[in-house]
Amino acid sequence: MKDPIDSRRLLAFYTLAQVNSFTEAGRLLGRTQSAISHAILGLERELGTRLFRRHRIRSTLTEAGEQLLAHAVRILAHMQQAREEIRASSGGRLPPGRVERARFRPDGS
């Protein structure tokens, strides 16, 4: 199995598909327009196809983009559901634990 699609790229793709603007997608995600553009280009390279038709003001989905959007909606919903279920079962807190410290010895041992 090949590496899975990066979740940050998938979220950038989903957000761009919703708002049709690289600048607005970046604003919503707290990222730059350039970061969104790089995420989409990386995703397109990874999948070997264009996902958006880039126009001067707006971007629209290609047929491949429409297909990926259907998957992205389900994947992101599952990720959100998993996050909520895990947080609910743990009370939203990290359990107490030990933090191991590295020991530095001048002699290198």
PDB file of N, CA and C in Angstrom:
ATOM      1  N   MET A   1       0.847  -1.184   0.000  1.00  0.00           N
ATOM      2  CA  MET A   1       0.000   0.000   0.000  1.00  0.00           C
ATOM      3  C   MET A   1       0.889   1.243   0.000  1.00  0.00           C
ATOM      4  N   LYS A   2       0.554   2.182  -0.829  1.00  0.00           N
ATOM      5  CA  LYS A   2       1.305   3.433  -0.885  1.00  0.00           C
ATOM      6  C   LYS A   2       0.993   4.272   0.348  1.00  0.00           C
ATOM      7  N   ASP A   3       1.809   5.291   0.562  1.00  0.00           N
ATOM      8  CA  ASP A   3       1.577   6.187   1.687  1.00  0.00           C
ATOM      9  C   ASP A   3       0.199   6.823   1.568  1.00  0.00           C
ATOM     10  N   PRO A   4      -0.483   7.005   2.698  1.00  0.00           N
ATOM     11  CA  PRO A   4      -1.801   7.644   2.652  1.00  0.00           C
ATOM     12  C   PRO A   4      -1.677   9.129   2.306  1.00  0.00           C
ATOM     13  N   ILE A   5      -2.766   9.692   1.874  1.00  0.00           N
ATOM     14  CA  ILE A   5      -2.814  11.123   1.575  1.00  0.00           C
ATOM     15  C   ILE A   5      -2.623  11.892   2.875  1.00  0.00           C
ATOM     16  N   ASP A   6      -1.794  12.896   2.837  1.00  0.00           N
ATOM     17  CA  ASP A   6      -1.528  13.736   3.999  1.00  0.00           C
ATOM     18  C   ASP A   6      -2.805  14.470   4.419  1.00  0.00           C
ATOM     19  N   SER A   7      -3.142  14.404   5.703  1.00  0.00           N
ATOM     20  CA  SER A   7      -4.396  15.000   6.180  1.00  0.00           C
ATOM     21  C   SER A   7      -4.414  16.519   6.038  1.00  0.00           C
ATOM     22  N   ARG A   8      -3.257  17.170   6.159  1.00  0.00           N
ATOM     23  CA  ARG A   8      -3.227  18.634   5.988  1.00  0.00           C
ATOM     24  C   ARG A   8      -3.522  19.015   4.535  1.00  0.00           C
ATOM     25  N   ARG A   9      -2.983  18.236   3.613  1.00  0.00           N
ATOM     26  CA  ARG A   9      -3.274  18.490   2.195  1.00  0.00           C
ATOM     27  C   ARG A   9      -4.749  18.247   1.906  1.00  0.00           C
ATOM     28  N   LEU A  10      -5.287  17.177   2.492  1.00  0.00           N
ATOM     29  CA  LEU A  10      -6.694  16.860   2.263  1.00  0.00           C
ATOM     30  C   LEU A  10      -7.591  17.957   2.824  1.00  0.00           C
ATOM     31  N   LEU A  11      -7.256  18.482   3.991  1.00  0.00           N
ATOM     32  CA  LEU A  11      -8.041  19.573   4.577  1.00  0.00           C
ATOM     33  C   LEU A  11      -7.929  20.840   3.726  1.00  0.00           C
ATOM     34  N   ALA A  12      -6.740  21.123   3.208  1.00  0.00           N
ATOM     35  CA  ALA A  12      -6.570  22.278   2.315  1.00  0.00           C
ATOM     36  C   ALA A  12      -7.421  22.095   1.065  1.00  0.00           C
ATOM     37  N   PHE A  13      -7.399  20.889   0.497  1.00  0.00           N
ATOM     38  CA  PHE A  13      -8.210  20.587  -0.682  1.00  0.00           C
ATOM     39  C   PHE A  13      -9.693  20.797  -0.381  1.00  0.00           C
ATOM     40  N   TYR A  14     -10.177  20.217   0.708  1.00  0.00           N
ATOM     41  CA  TYR A  14     -11.590  20.320   1.077  1.00  0.00           C
ATOM     42  C   TYR A  14     -11.998  21.782   1.262  1.00  0.00           C
ATOM     43  N   THR A  15     -11.178  22.532   1.982  1.00  0.00           N
ATOM     44  CA  THR A  15     -11.496  23.938   2.249  1.00  0.00           C
ATOM     45  C   THR A  15     -11.511  24.741   0.958  1.00  0.00           C
ATOM     46  N   LEU A  16     -10.528  24.531   0.100  1.00  0.00           N
ATOM     47  CA  LEU A  16     -10.497  25.228  -1.187  1.00  0.00           C
ATOM     48  C   LEU A  16     -11.721  24.874  -2.027  1.00  0.00           C
ATOM     49  N   ALA A  17     -12.116  23.620  -2.012  1.00  0.00           N
ATOM     50  CA  ALA A  17     -13.303  23.199  -2.772  1.00  0.00           C
ATOM     51  C   ALA A  17     -14.560  23.899  -2.254  1.00  0.00           C
ATOM     52  N   GLN A  18     -14.605  24.193  -0.957  1.00  0.00           N
ATOM     53  CA  GLN A  18     -15.770  24.857  -0.378  1.00  0.00           C
ATOM     54  C   GLN A  18     -15.831  26.343  -0.727  1.00  0.00           C
ATOM     55  N   VAL A  19     -14.675  27.006  -0.707  1.00  0.00           N
ATOM     56  CA  VAL A  19     -14.671  28.465  -0.877  1.00  0.00           C
ATOM     57  C   VAL A  19     -14.182  28.933  -2.248  1.00  0.00           C
ATOM     58  N   ASN A  20     -13.568  28.035  -3.032  1.00  0.00           N
ATOM     59  CA  ASN A  20     -13.098  28.352  -4.394  1.00  0.00           C
ATOM     60  C   ASN A  20     -12.097  29.499  -4.467  1.00  0.00           C
ATOM     61  N   SER A  21     -11.368  29.730  -3.388  1.00  0.00           N
ATOM     62  CA  SER A  21     -10.381  30.806  -3.370  1.00  0.00           C
ATOM     63  C   SER A  21      -9.186  30.369  -2.527  1.00  0.00           C
ATOM     64  N   PHE A  22      -7.996  30.407  -3.122  1.00  0.00           N
ATOM     65  CA  PHE A  22      -6.795  30.029  -2.386  1.00  0.00           C
ATOM     66  C   PHE A  22      -6.574  30.964  -1.200  1.00  0.00           C
ATOM     67  N   THR A  23      -6.802  32.255  -1.410  1.00  0.00           N
ATOM     68  CA  THR A  23      -6.608  33.232  -0.345  1.00  0.00           C
ATOM     69  C   THR A  23      -7.574  32.989   0.805  1.00  0.00           C
ATOM     70  N   GLU A  24      -8.843  32.776   0.490  1.00  0.00           N
ATOM     71  CA  GLU A  24      -9.854  32.544   1.526  1.00  0.00           C
ATOM     72  C   GLU A  24      -9.614  31.218   2.242  1.00  0.00           C
ATOM     73  N   ALA A  25      -9.229  30.190   1.516  1.00  0.00           N
ATOM     74  CA  ALA A  25      -8.922  28.896   2.143  1.00  0.00           C
ATOM     75  C   ALA A  25      -7.763  29.064   3.124  1.00  0.00           C
ATOM     76  N   GLY A  26      -6.751  29.803   2.718  1.00  0.00           N
ATOM     77  CA  GLY A  26      -5.625  30.066   3.610  1.00  0.00           C
ATOM     78  C   GLY A  26      -6.049  30.817   4.853  1.00  0.00           C
ATOM     79  N   ARG A  27      -6.883  31.822   4.670  1.00  0.00           N
ATOM     80  CA  ARG A  27      -7.365  32.596   5.817  1.00  0.00           C
ATOM     81  C   ARG A  27      -8.121  31.705   6.793  1.00  0.00           C
ATOM     82  N   LEU A  28      -9.007  30.861   6.277  1.00  0.00           N
ATOM     83  CA  LEU A  28      -9.809  29.984   7.134  1.00  0.00           C
ATOM     84  C   LEU A  28      -8.954  28.971   7.894  1.00  0.00           C
ATOM     85  N   LEU A  29      -7.865  28.540   7.283  1.00  0.00           N
ATOM     86  CA  LEU A  29      -7.009  27.527   7.904  1.00  0.00           C
ATOM     87  C   LEU A  29      -5.822  28.119   8.659  1.00  0.00           C
ATOM     88  N   GLY A  30      -5.712  29.447   8.642  1.00  0.00           N
ATOM     89  CA  GLY A  30      -4.588  30.087   9.318  1.00  0.00           C
ATOM     90  C   GLY A  30      -3.266  29.835   8.615  1.00  0.00           C
ATOM     91  N   ARG A  31      -3.336  29.706   7.298  1.00  0.00           N
ATOM     92  CA  ARG A  31      -2.151  29.459   6.482  1.00  0.00           C
ATOM     93  C   ARG A  31      -2.106  30.506   5.377  1.00  0.00           C
ATOM     94  N   THR A  32      -0.987  30.612   4.709  1.00  0.00           N
ATOM     95  CA  THR A  32      -0.876  31.574   3.616  1.00  0.00           C
ATOM     96  C   THR A  32      -1.487  31.000   2.341  1.00  0.00           C
ATOM     97  N   GLN A  33      -1.773  31.890   1.421  1.00  0.00           N
ATOM     98  CA  GLN A  33      -2.267  31.471   0.112  1.00  0.00           C
ATOM     99  C   GLN A  33      -1.235  30.569  -0.547  1.00  0.00           C
ATOM    100  N   SER A  34       0.023  30.910  -0.386  1.00  0.00           N
ATOM    101  CA  SER A  34       1.106  30.122  -0.967  1.00  0.00           C
ATOM    102  C   SER A  34       1.149  28.712  -0.377  1.00  0.00           C
ATOM    103  N   ALA A  35       0.918  28.582   0.923  1.00  0.00           N
ATOM    104  CA  ALA A  35       0.918  27.259   1.567  1.00  0.00           C
ATOM    105  C   ALA A  35      -0.218  26.397   1.025  1.00  0.00           C
ATOM    106  N   ILE A  36      -1.371  27.016   0.792  1.00  0.00           N
ATOM    107  CA  ILE A  36      -2.506  26.274   0.231  1.00  0.00           C
ATOM    108  C   ILE A  36      -2.172  25.839  -1.192  1.00  0.00           C
ATOM    109  N   SER A  37      -1.598  26.742  -1.966  1.00  0.00           N
ATOM    110  CA  SER A  37      -1.222  26.429  -3.340  1.00  0.00           C
ATOM    111  C   SER A  37      -0.226  25.267  -3.386  1.00  0.00           C
ATOM    112  N   HIS A  38       0.776  25.290  -2.517  1.00  0.00           N
ATOM    113  CA  HIS A  38       1.757  24.206  -2.466  1.00  0.00           C
ATOM    114  C   HIS A  38       1.113  22.888  -2.040  1.00  0.00           C
ATOM    115  N   ALA A  39       0.184  22.948  -1.093  1.00  0.00           N
ATOM    116  CA  ALA A  39      -0.507  21.729  -0.648  1.00  0.00           C
ATOM    117  C   ALA A  39      -1.290  21.110  -1.800  1.00  0.00           C
ATOM    118  N   ILE A  40      -1.986  21.949  -2.559  1.00  0.00           N
ATOM    119  CA  ILE A  40      -2.795  21.448  -3.676  1.00  0.00           C
ATOM    120  C   ILE A  40      -1.895  20.902  -4.782  1.00  0.00           C
ATOM    121  N   LEU A  41      -0.832  21.615  -5.101  1.00  0.00           N
ATOM    122  CA  LEU A  41       0.103  21.128  -6.123  1.00  0.00           C
ATOM    123  C   LEU A  41       0.716  19.791  -5.707  1.00  0.00           C
ATOM    124  N   GLY A  42       1.064  19.661  -4.436  1.00  0.00           N
ATOM    125  CA  GLY A  42       1.610  18.402  -3.939  1.00  0.00           C
ATOM    126  C   GLY A  42       0.611  17.270  -4.046  1.00  0.00           C
ATOM    127  N   LEU A  43      -0.632  17.563  -3.717  1.00  0.00           N
ATOM    128  CA  LEU A  43      -1.691  16.556  -3.810  1.00  0.00           C
ATOM    129  C   LEU A  43      -1.922  16.159  -5.266  1.00  0.00           C
ATOM    130  N   GLU A  44      -1.916  17.141  -6.157  1.00  0.00           N
ATOM    131  CA  GLU A  44      -2.097  16.851  -7.582  1.00  0.00           C
ATOM    132  C   GLU A  44      -0.943  16.002  -8.118  1.00  0.00           C
ATOM    133  N   ARG A  45       0.281  16.309  -7.696  1.00  0.00           N
ATOM    134  CA  ARG A  45       1.430  15.503  -8.118  1.00  0.00           C
ATOM    135  C   ARG A  45       1.313  14.078  -7.586  1.00  0.00           C
ATOM    136  N   GLU A  46       0.934  13.976  -6.324  1.00  0.00           N
ATOM    137  CA  GLU A  46       0.793  12.665  -5.687  1.00  0.00           C
ATOM    138  C   GLU A  46      -0.252  11.804  -6.393  1.00  0.00           C
ATOM    139  N   LEU A  47      -1.354  12.417  -6.796  1.00  0.00           N
ATOM    140  CA  LEU A  47      -2.442  11.683  -7.440  1.00  0.00           C
ATOM    141  C   LEU A  47      -2.282  11.597  -8.957  1.00  0.00           C
ATOM    142  N   GLY A  48      -1.387  12.405  -9.501  1.00  0.00           N
ATOM    143  CA  GLY A  48      -1.116  12.351 -10.934  1.00  0.00           C
ATOM    144  C   GLY A  48      -2.199  12.972 -11.799  1.00  0.00           C
ATOM    145  N   THR A  49      -2.947  13.921 -11.245  1.00  0.00           N
ATOM    146  CA  THR A  49      -4.011  14.572 -12.021  1.00  0.00           C
ATOM    147  C   THR A  49      -4.337  15.936 -11.435  1.00  0.00           C
ATOM    148  N   ARG A  50      -4.901  16.785 -12.269  1.00  0.00           N
ATOM    149  CA  ARG A  50      -5.367  18.094 -11.816  1.00  0.00           C
ATOM    150  C   ARG A  50      -6.646  17.918 -11.020  1.00  0.00           C
ATOM    151  N   LEU A  51      -6.764  18.658  -9.928  1.00  0.00           N
ATOM    152  CA  LEU A  51      -7.969  18.609  -9.096  1.00  0.00           C
ATOM    153  C   LEU A  51      -8.815  19.865  -9.257  1.00  0.00           C
ATOM    154  N   PHE A  52      -8.171  20.957  -9.693  1.00  0.00           N
ATOM    155  CA  PHE A  52      -8.867  22.237  -9.861  1.00  0.00           C
ATOM    156  C   PHE A  52      -8.558  22.836 -11.219  1.00  0.00           C
ATOM    157  N   ARG A  53      -9.534  23.557 -11.745  1.00  0.00           N
ATOM    158  CA  ARG A  53      -9.321  24.442 -12.891  1.00  0.00           C
ATOM    159  C   ARG A  53      -9.088  25.815 -12.277  1.00  0.00           C
ATOM    160  N   ARG A  54      -7.937  26.358 -12.514  1.00  0.00           N
ATOM    161  CA  ARG A  54      -7.603  27.647 -11.915  1.00  0.00           C
ATOM    162  C   ARG A  54      -8.026  28.766 -12.853  1.00  0.00           C
ATOM    163  N   HIS A  55      -8.870  29.637 -12.335  1.00  0.00           N
ATOM    164  CA  HIS A  55      -9.327  30.814 -13.074  1.00  0.00           C
ATOM    165  C   HIS A  55      -8.766  32.047 -12.376  1.00  0.00           C
ATOM    166  N   ARG A  56      -8.900  33.163 -12.990  1.00  0.00           N
ATOM    167  CA  ARG A  56      -8.339  34.397 -12.435  1.00  0.00           C
ATOM    168  C   ARG A  56      -8.840  34.673 -11.018  1.00  0.00           C
ATOM    169  N   ILE A  57     -10.116  34.533 -10.777  1.00  0.00           N
ATOM    170  CA  ILE A  57     -10.681  34.869  -9.472  1.00  0.00           C
ATOM    171  C   ILE A  57     -11.052  33.630  -8.664  1.00  0.00           C
ATOM    172  N   ARG A  58     -11.534  32.603  -9.327  1.00  0.00           N
ATOM    173  CA  ARG A  58     -12.024  31.416  -8.624  1.00  0.00           C
ATOM    174  C   ARG A  58     -11.353  30.159  -9.160  1.00  0.00           C
ATOM    175  N   SER A  59     -11.449  29.121  -8.373  1.00  0.00           N
ATOM    176  CA  SER A  59     -10.988  27.798  -8.809  1.00  0.00           C
ATOM    177  C   SER A  59     -12.173  26.862  -8.746  1.00  0.00           C
ATOM    178  N   THR A  60     -12.303  26.008  -9.750  1.00  0.00           N
ATOM    179  CA  THR A  60     -13.403  25.045  -9.763  1.00  0.00           C
ATOM    180  C   THR A  60     -12.839  23.636  -9.866  1.00  0.00           C
ATOM    181  N   LEU A  61     -13.582  22.682  -9.353  1.00  0.00           N
ATOM    182  CA  LEU A  61     -13.135  21.296  -9.340  1.00  0.00           C
ATOM    183  C   LEU A  61     -13.189  20.660 -10.728  1.00  0.00           C
ATOM    184  N   THR A  62     -12.198  19.854 -11.013  1.00  0.00           N
ATOM    185  CA  THR A  62     -12.238  18.999 -12.197  1.00  0.00           C
ATOM    186  C   THR A  62     -13.061  17.760 -11.835  1.00  0.00           C
ATOM    187  N   GLU A  63     -13.240  16.861 -12.780  1.00  0.00           N
ATOM    188  CA  GLU A  63     -13.958  15.619 -12.486  1.00  0.00           C
ATOM    189  C   GLU A  63     -13.224  14.819 -11.405  1.00  0.00           C
ATOM    190  N   ALA A  64     -11.895  14.767 -11.501  1.00  0.00           N
ATOM    191  CA  ALA A  64     -11.106  14.072 -10.477  1.00  0.00           C
ATOM    192  C   ALA A  64     -11.258  14.762  -9.122  1.00  0.00           C
ATOM    193  N   GLY A  65     -11.322  16.090  -9.145  1.00  0.00           N
ATOM    194  CA  GLY A  65     -11.532  16.842  -7.912  1.00  0.00           C
ATOM    195  C   GLY A  65     -12.872  16.532  -7.275  1.00  0.00           C
ATOM    196  N   GLU A  66     -13.896  16.394  -8.096  1.00  0.00           N
ATOM    197  CA  GLU A  66     -15.229  16.025  -7.588  1.00  0.00           C
ATOM    198  C   GLU A  66     -15.180  14.651  -6.928  1.00  0.00           C
ATOM    199  N   GLN A  67     -14.467  13.718  -7.560  1.00  0.00           N
ATOM    200  CA  GLN A  67     -14.342  12.374  -6.989  1.00  0.00           C
ATOM    201  C   GLN A  67     -13.627  12.425  -5.640  1.00  0.00           C
ATOM    202  N   LEU A  68     -12.521  13.168  -5.591  1.00  0.00           N
ATOM    203  CA  LEU A  68     -11.773  13.258  -4.341  1.00  0.00           C
ATOM    204  C   LEU A  68     -12.592  13.957  -3.263  1.00  0.00           C
ATOM    205  N   LEU A  69     -13.366  14.962  -3.638  1.00  0.00           N
ATOM    206  CA  LEU A  69     -14.177  15.676  -2.652  1.00  0.00           C
ATOM    207  C   LEU A  69     -15.145  14.734  -1.948  1.00  0.00           C
ATOM    208  N   ALA A  70     -15.767  13.831  -2.687  1.00  0.00           N
ATOM    209  CA  ALA A  70     -16.692  12.875  -2.070  1.00  0.00           C
ATOM    210  C   ALA A  70     -15.968  12.039  -1.014  1.00  0.00           C
ATOM    211  N   HIS A  71     -14.746  11.625  -1.315  1.00  0.00           N
ATOM    212  CA  HIS A  71     -13.955  10.859  -0.343  1.00  0.00           C
ATOM    213  C   HIS A  71     -13.516  11.745   0.819  1.00  0.00           C
ATOM    214  N   ALA A  72     -13.072  12.962   0.508  1.00  0.00           N
ATOM    215  CA  ALA A  72     -12.574  13.870   1.542  1.00  0.00           C
ATOM    216  C   ALA A  72     -13.637  14.165   2.590  1.00  0.00           C
ATOM    217  N   VAL A  73     -14.874  14.354   2.155  1.00  0.00           N
ATOM    218  CA  VAL A  73     -15.966  14.628   3.096  1.00  0.00           C
ATOM    219  C   VAL A  73     -16.073  13.483   4.099  1.00  0.00           C
ATOM    220  N   ARG A  74     -16.054  12.260   3.609  1.00  0.00           N
ATOM    221  CA  ARG A  74     -16.181  11.094   4.501  1.00  0.00           C
ATOM    222  C   ARG A  74     -14.946  10.924   5.385  1.00  0.00           C
ATOM    223  N   ILE A  75     -13.773  11.066   4.796  1.00  0.00           N
ATOM    224  CA  ILE A  75     -12.532  10.881   5.557  1.00  0.00           C
ATOM    225  C   ILE A  75     -12.427  11.907   6.677  1.00  0.00           C
ATOM    226  N   LEU A  76     -12.655  13.166   6.366  1.00  0.00           N
ATOM    227  CA  LEU A  76     -12.547  14.214   7.381  1.00  0.00           C
ATOM    228  C   LEU A  76     -13.615  14.058   8.456  1.00  0.00           C
ATOM    229  N   ALA A  77     -14.805  13.605   8.071  1.00  0.00           N
ATOM    230  CA  ALA A  77     -15.858  13.354   9.064  1.00  0.00           C
ATOM    231  C   ALA A  77     -15.447  12.218   9.998  1.00  0.00           C
ATOM    232  N   HIS A  78     -14.853  11.160   9.451  1.00  0.00           N
ATOM    233  CA  HIS A  78     -14.384  10.044  10.285  1.00  0.00           C
ATOM    234  C   HIS A  78     -13.270  10.494  11.226  1.00  0.00           C
ATOM    235  N   MET A  79     -12.371  11.323  10.728  1.00  0.00           N
ATOM    236  CA  MET A  79     -11.283  11.824  11.570  1.00  0.00           C
ATOM    237  C   MET A  79     -11.837  12.661  12.720  1.00  0.00           C
ATOM    238  N   GLN A  80     -12.814  13.511  12.430  1.00  0.00           N
ATOM    239  CA  GLN A  80     -13.430  14.341  13.467  1.00  0.00           C
ATOM    240  C   GLN A  80     -14.161  13.468  14.481  1.00  0.00           C
ATOM    241  N   GLN A  81     -14.878  12.469  14.000  1.00  0.00           N
ATOM    242  CA  GLN A  81     -15.605  11.564  14.890  1.00  0.00           C
ATOM    243  C   GLN A  81     -14.633  10.813  15.800  1.00  0.00           C
ATOM    244  N   ALA A  82     -13.537  10.338  15.254  1.00  0.00           N
ATOM    245  CA  ALA A  82     -12.531   9.635  16.056  1.00  0.00           C
ATOM    246  C   ALA A  82     -11.981  10.555  17.136  1.00  0.00           C
ATOM    247  N   ARG A  83     -11.661  11.792  16.765  1.00  0.00           N
ATOM    248  CA  ARG A  83     -11.142  12.764  17.730  1.00  0.00           C
ATOM    249  C   ARG A  83     -12.138  12.971  18.861  1.00  0.00           C
ATOM    250  N   GLU A  84     -13.404  13.181  18.512  1.00  0.00           N
ATOM    251  CA  GLU A  84     -14.429  13.432  19.526  1.00  0.00           C
ATOM    252  C   GLU A  84     -14.639  12.221  20.432  1.00  0.00           C
ATOM    253  N   GLU A  85     -14.662  11.019  19.854  1.00  0.00           N
ATOM    254  CA  GLU A  85     -14.864   9.812  20.660  1.00  0.00           C
ATOM    255  C   GLU A  85     -13.701   9.577  21.618  1.00  0.00           C
ATOM    256  N   ILE A  86     -12.491   9.761  21.140  1.00  0.00           N
ATOM    257  CA  ILE A  86     -11.318   9.554  21.992  1.00  0.00           C
ATOM    258  C   ILE A  86     -11.283  10.593  23.100  1.00  0.00           C
ATOM    259  N   ARG A  87     -11.547  11.839  22.771  1.00  0.00           N
ATOM    260  CA  ARG A  87     -11.561  12.882  23.805  1.00  0.00           C
ATOM    261  C   ARG A  87     -12.650  12.620  24.836  1.00  0.00           C
ATOM    262  N   ALA A  88     -13.816  12.181  24.385  1.00  0.00           N
ATOM    263  CA  ALA A  88     -14.916  11.903  25.312  1.00  0.00           C
ATOM    264  C   ALA A  88     -14.562  10.739  26.234  1.00  0.00           C
ATOM    265  N   SER A  89     -13.925   9.714  25.701  1.00  0.00           N
ATOM    266  CA  SER A  89     -13.604   8.544  26.520  1.00  0.00           C
ATOM    267  C   SER A  89     -12.479   8.820  27.510  1.00  0.00           C
ATOM    268  N   SER A  90     -11.631   9.795  27.217  1.00  0.00           N
ATOM    269  CA  SER A  90     -10.530  10.115  28.130  1.00  0.00           C
ATOM    270  C   SER A  90     -10.830  11.355  28.956  1.00  0.00           C
ATOM    271  N   GLY A  91     -12.016  11.901  28.804  1.00  0.00           N
ATOM    272  CA  GLY A  91     -12.349  13.130  29.516  1.00  0.00           C
ATOM    273  C   GLY A  91     -11.600  14.333  28.987  1.00  0.00           C
ATOM    274  N   GLY A  92     -10.955  14.176  27.842  1.00  0.00           N
ATOM    275  CA  GLY A  92     -10.244  15.297  27.227  1.00  0.00           C
ATOM    276  C   GLY A  92      -8.921  15.625  27.898  1.00  0.00           C
ATOM    277  N   ARG A  93      -8.466  14.748  28.801  1.00  0.00           N
ATOM    278  CA  ARG A  93      -7.218  15.012  29.522  1.00  0.00           C
ATOM    279  C   ARG A  93      -6.207  13.912  29.222  1.00  0.00           C
ATOM    280  N   LEU A  94      -4.964  14.301  29.270  1.00  0.00           N
ATOM    281  CA  LEU A  94      -3.896  13.315  29.154  1.00  0.00           C
ATOM    282  C   LEU A  94      -3.754  12.609  30.492  1.00  0.00           C
ATOM    283  N   PRO A  95      -3.584  11.300  30.488  1.00  0.00           N
ATOM    284  CA  PRO A  95      -3.392  10.604  31.757  1.00  0.00           C
ATOM    285  C   PRO A  95      -2.031  10.952  32.353  1.00  0.00           C
ATOM    286  N   PRO A  96      -1.937  10.903  33.690  1.00  0.00           N
ATOM    287  CA  PRO A  96      -0.628  11.186  34.291  1.00  0.00           C
ATOM    288  C   PRO A  96       0.377  10.138  33.837  1.00  0.00           C
ATOM    289  N   GLY A  97       1.602  10.536  33.694  1.00  0.00           N
ATOM    290  CA  GLY A  97       2.629   9.605  33.240  1.00  0.00           C
ATOM    291  C   GLY A  97       4.003  10.115  33.597  1.00  0.00           C
ATOM    292  N   ARG A  98       4.979   9.336  33.251  1.00  0.00           N
ATOM    293  CA  ARG A  98       6.361   9.710  33.510  1.00  0.00           C
ATOM    294  C   ARG A  98       6.980  10.276  32.253  1.00  0.00           C
ATOM    295  N   VAL A  99       7.820  11.221  32.454  1.00  0.00           N
ATOM    296  CA  VAL A  99       8.606  11.760  31.353  1.00  0.00           C
ATOM    297  C   VAL A  99      10.052  11.371  31.618  1.00  0.00           C
ATOM    298  N   GLU A 100      10.601  10.584  30.731  1.00  0.00           N
ATOM    299  CA  GLU A 100      11.991  10.164  30.886  1.00  0.00           C
ATOM    300  C   GLU A 100      12.905  11.314  30.492  1.00  0.00           C
ATOM    301  N   ARG A 101      13.961  11.465  31.248  1.00  0.00           N
ATOM    302  CA  ARG A 101      14.935  12.495  30.935  1.00  0.00           C
ATOM    303  C   ARG A 101      16.198  11.842  30.411  1.00  0.00           C
ATOM    304  N   ALA A 102      16.766  12.473  29.437  1.00  0.00           N
ATOM    305  CA  ALA A 102      18.061  11.996  28.948  1.00  0.00           C
ATOM    306  C   ALA A 102      19.131  12.474  29.913  1.00  0.00           C
ATOM    307  N   ARG A 103      20.096  11.627  30.173  1.00  0.00           N
ATOM    308  CA  ARG A 103      21.187  12.015  31.059  1.00  0.00           C
ATOM    309  C   ARG A 103      22.427  12.258  30.221  1.00  0.00           C
ATOM    310  N   PHE A 104      23.019  13.386  30.470  1.00  0.00           N
ATOM    311  CA  PHE A 104      24.242  13.737  29.755  1.00  0.00           C
ATOM    312  C   PHE A 104      25.425  13.452  30.660  1.00  0.00           C
ATOM    313  N   ARG A 105      26.356  12.700  30.145  1.00  0.00           N
ATOM    314  CA  ARG A 105      27.583  12.427  30.890  1.00  0.00           C
ATOM    315  C   ARG A 105      28.754  12.970  30.081  1.00  0.00           C
ATOM    316  N   PRO A 106      29.575  13.765  30.710  1.00  0.00           N
ATOM    317  CA  PRO A 106      30.694  14.373  29.989  1.00  0.00           C
ATOM    318  C   PRO A 106      31.612  13.367  29.299  1.00  0.00           C
ATOM    319  N   ASP A 107      31.693  12.144  29.824  1.00  0.00           N
ATOM    320  CA  ASP A 107      32.595  11.163  29.213  1.00  0.00           C
ATOM    321  C   ASP A 107      31.980  10.473  28.001  1.00  0.00           C
ATOM    322  N   GLY A 108      30.718  10.856  27.649  1.00  0.00           N
ATOM    323  CA  GLY A 108      30.067  10.314  26.463  1.00  0.00           C
ATOM    324  C   GLY A 108      29.367   8.994  26.677  1.00  0.00           C
ATOM    325  N   SER A 109      29.365   8.481  27.894  1.00  0.00           N
ATOM    326  CA  SER A 109      28.694   7.196  28.139  1.00  0.00           C
ATOM    327  C   SER A 109      27.259   7.371  28.557  1.00  0.00           C
TER     328      SER A 109
END
